[in-house]
């Protein structure tokens, strides 16, 4: 999944986030590409950092790691 599109209204974004939360609670995994940390911190269990099309770091999305991200 790519970043939330600027063409989506706030209501559409909220609806999409509810669907994604439901799917996550059902055990569905998905990959999200995003430049905003809000959705990443909310949905993702692990965060991979990429540079030049390569993963340079991967961390668990924990309170401890959020200070470093």
C-alpha atoms as a PDB file:
ATOM      1  CA  UNK A   1       0.000   0.000   0.000  1.00  0.00           C
ATOM      2  CA  UNK A   2       1.276   3.435  -0.837  1.00  0.00           C
ATOM      3  CA  UNK A   3       0.806   6.584   1.235  1.00  0.00           C
ATOM      4  CA  UNK A   4      -2.711   7.819   1.723  1.00  0.00           C
ATOM      5  CA  UNK A   5      -3.568   9.783  -1.361  1.00  0.00           C
ATOM      6  CA  UNK A   6      -4.024  13.540  -1.085  1.00  0.00           C
ATOM      7  CA  UNK A   7      -7.088  13.060  -3.275  1.00  0.00           C
ATOM      8  CA  UNK A   8      -8.886  11.232  -0.450  1.00  0.00           C
ATOM      9  CA  UNK A   9     -11.095  13.284   1.828  1.00  0.00           C
ATOM     10  CA  UNK A  10     -10.656  13.113   5.599  1.00  0.00           C
ATOM     11  CA  UNK A  11     -13.782  10.937   5.804  1.00  0.00           C
ATOM     12  CA  UNK A  12     -12.397   8.570   3.166  1.00  0.00           C
ATOM     13  CA  UNK A  13      -9.050   8.363   4.986  1.00  0.00           C
ATOM     14  CA  UNK A  14     -10.829   7.648   8.274  1.00  0.00           C
ATOM     15  CA  UNK A  15     -12.880   4.901   6.607  1.00  0.00           C
ATOM     16  CA  UNK A  16      -9.766   3.360   5.093  1.00  0.00           C
ATOM     17  CA  UNK A  17      -7.995   3.427   8.455  1.00  0.00           C
ATOM     18  CA  UNK A  18     -10.950   1.635  10.095  1.00  0.00           C
ATOM     19  CA  UNK A  19     -10.839  -1.081   7.435  1.00  0.00           C
ATOM     20  CA  UNK A  20      -7.071  -1.467   7.859  1.00  0.00           C
ATOM     21  CA  UNK A  21      -7.424  -1.684  11.651  1.00  0.00           C
ATOM     22  CA  UNK A  22     -10.095  -4.386  11.303  1.00  0.00           C
ATOM     23  CA  UNK A  23      -7.907  -6.357   8.896  1.00  0.00           C
ATOM     24  CA  UNK A  24      -4.904  -6.044  11.208  1.00  0.00           C
ATOM     25  CA  UNK A  25      -7.003  -7.335  14.116  1.00  0.00           C
ATOM     26  CA  UNK A  26      -8.012 -10.288  11.926  1.00  0.00           C
ATOM     27  CA  UNK A  27      -4.338 -11.143  11.385  1.00  0.00           C
ATOM     28  CA  UNK A  28      -4.007  -9.807   7.849  1.00  0.00           C
ATOM     29  CA  UNK A  29      -0.540  -8.516   6.979  1.00  0.00           C
ATOM     30  CA  UNK A  30       0.172  -5.743   4.519  1.00  0.00           C
ATOM     31  CA  UNK A  31       3.062  -3.614   3.380  1.00  0.00           C
ATOM     32  CA  UNK A  32       2.710   0.147   3.589  1.00  0.00           C
ATOM     33  CA  UNK A  33       4.952   2.715   1.949  1.00  0.00           C
ATOM     34  CA  UNK A  34       4.588   6.029   3.691  1.00  0.00           C
ATOM     35  CA  UNK A  35       6.515   9.195   4.392  1.00  0.00           C
ATOM     36  CA  UNK A  36       4.271  10.128   7.330  1.00  0.00           C
ATOM     37  CA  UNK A  37       5.077   8.494  10.636  1.00  0.00           C
ATOM     38  CA  UNK A  38       1.518   8.674  12.066  1.00  0.00           C
ATOM     39  CA  UNK A  39      -0.012   5.847  10.012  1.00  0.00           C
ATOM     40  CA  UNK A  40       3.188   3.827  10.296  1.00  0.00           C
ATOM     41  CA  UNK A  41       3.226   4.042  14.086  1.00  0.00           C
ATOM     42  CA  UNK A  42      -0.491   3.191  14.266  1.00  0.00           C
ATOM     43  CA  UNK A  43      -0.600   0.194  11.923  1.00  0.00           C
ATOM     44  CA  UNK A  44       2.832  -1.364  11.687  1.00  0.00           C
ATOM     45  CA  UNK A  45       4.444  -3.898  14.009  1.00  0.00           C
ATOM     46  CA  UNK A  46       7.804  -3.516  12.281  1.00  0.00           C
ATOM     47  CA  UNK A  47       9.320  -0.582  10.410  1.00  0.00           C
ATOM     48  CA  UNK A  48      11.902  -0.947   7.641  1.00  0.00           C
ATOM     49  CA  UNK A  49      13.975   2.029   6.566  1.00  0.00           C
ATOM     50  CA  UNK A  50      15.093   2.137   2.959  1.00  0.00           C
ATOM     51  CA  UNK A  51      17.706   4.101   1.059  1.00  0.00           C
ATOM     52  CA  UNK A  52      18.492   3.691  -2.631  1.00  0.00           C
ATOM     53  CA  UNK A  53      15.966   0.826  -2.915  1.00  0.00           C
ATOM     54  CA  UNK A  54      17.648  -1.177  -0.130  1.00  0.00           C
ATOM     55  CA  UNK A  55      16.554  -1.874   3.431  1.00  0.00           C
ATOM     56  CA  UNK A  56      19.128  -0.244   5.708  1.00  0.00           C
ATOM     57  CA  UNK A  57      17.430  -0.912   9.056  1.00  0.00           C
ATOM     58  CA  UNK A  58      14.411  -2.755  10.425  1.00  0.00           C
ATOM     59  CA  UNK A  59      13.040  -2.242  13.945  1.00  0.00           C
ATOM     60  CA  UNK A  60      10.055  -3.329  15.992  1.00  0.00           C
ATOM     61  CA  UNK A  61       7.448  -0.599  16.484  1.00  0.00           C
ATOM     62  CA  UNK A  62       7.811  -0.344  20.274  1.00  0.00           C
ATOM     63  CA  UNK A  63       7.710   2.572  22.709  1.00  0.00           C
ATOM     64  CA  UNK A  64      11.463   2.233  23.166  1.00  0.00           C
ATOM     65  CA  UNK A  65      12.189   2.416  19.439  1.00  0.00           C
ATOM     66  CA  UNK A  66       9.763   5.280  18.759  1.00  0.00           C
ATOM     67  CA  UNK A  67      12.189   7.692  20.387  1.00  0.00           C
ATOM     68  CA  UNK A  68      14.802   6.689  17.811  1.00  0.00           C
ATOM     69  CA  UNK A  69      12.540   6.673  14.758  1.00  0.00           C
END
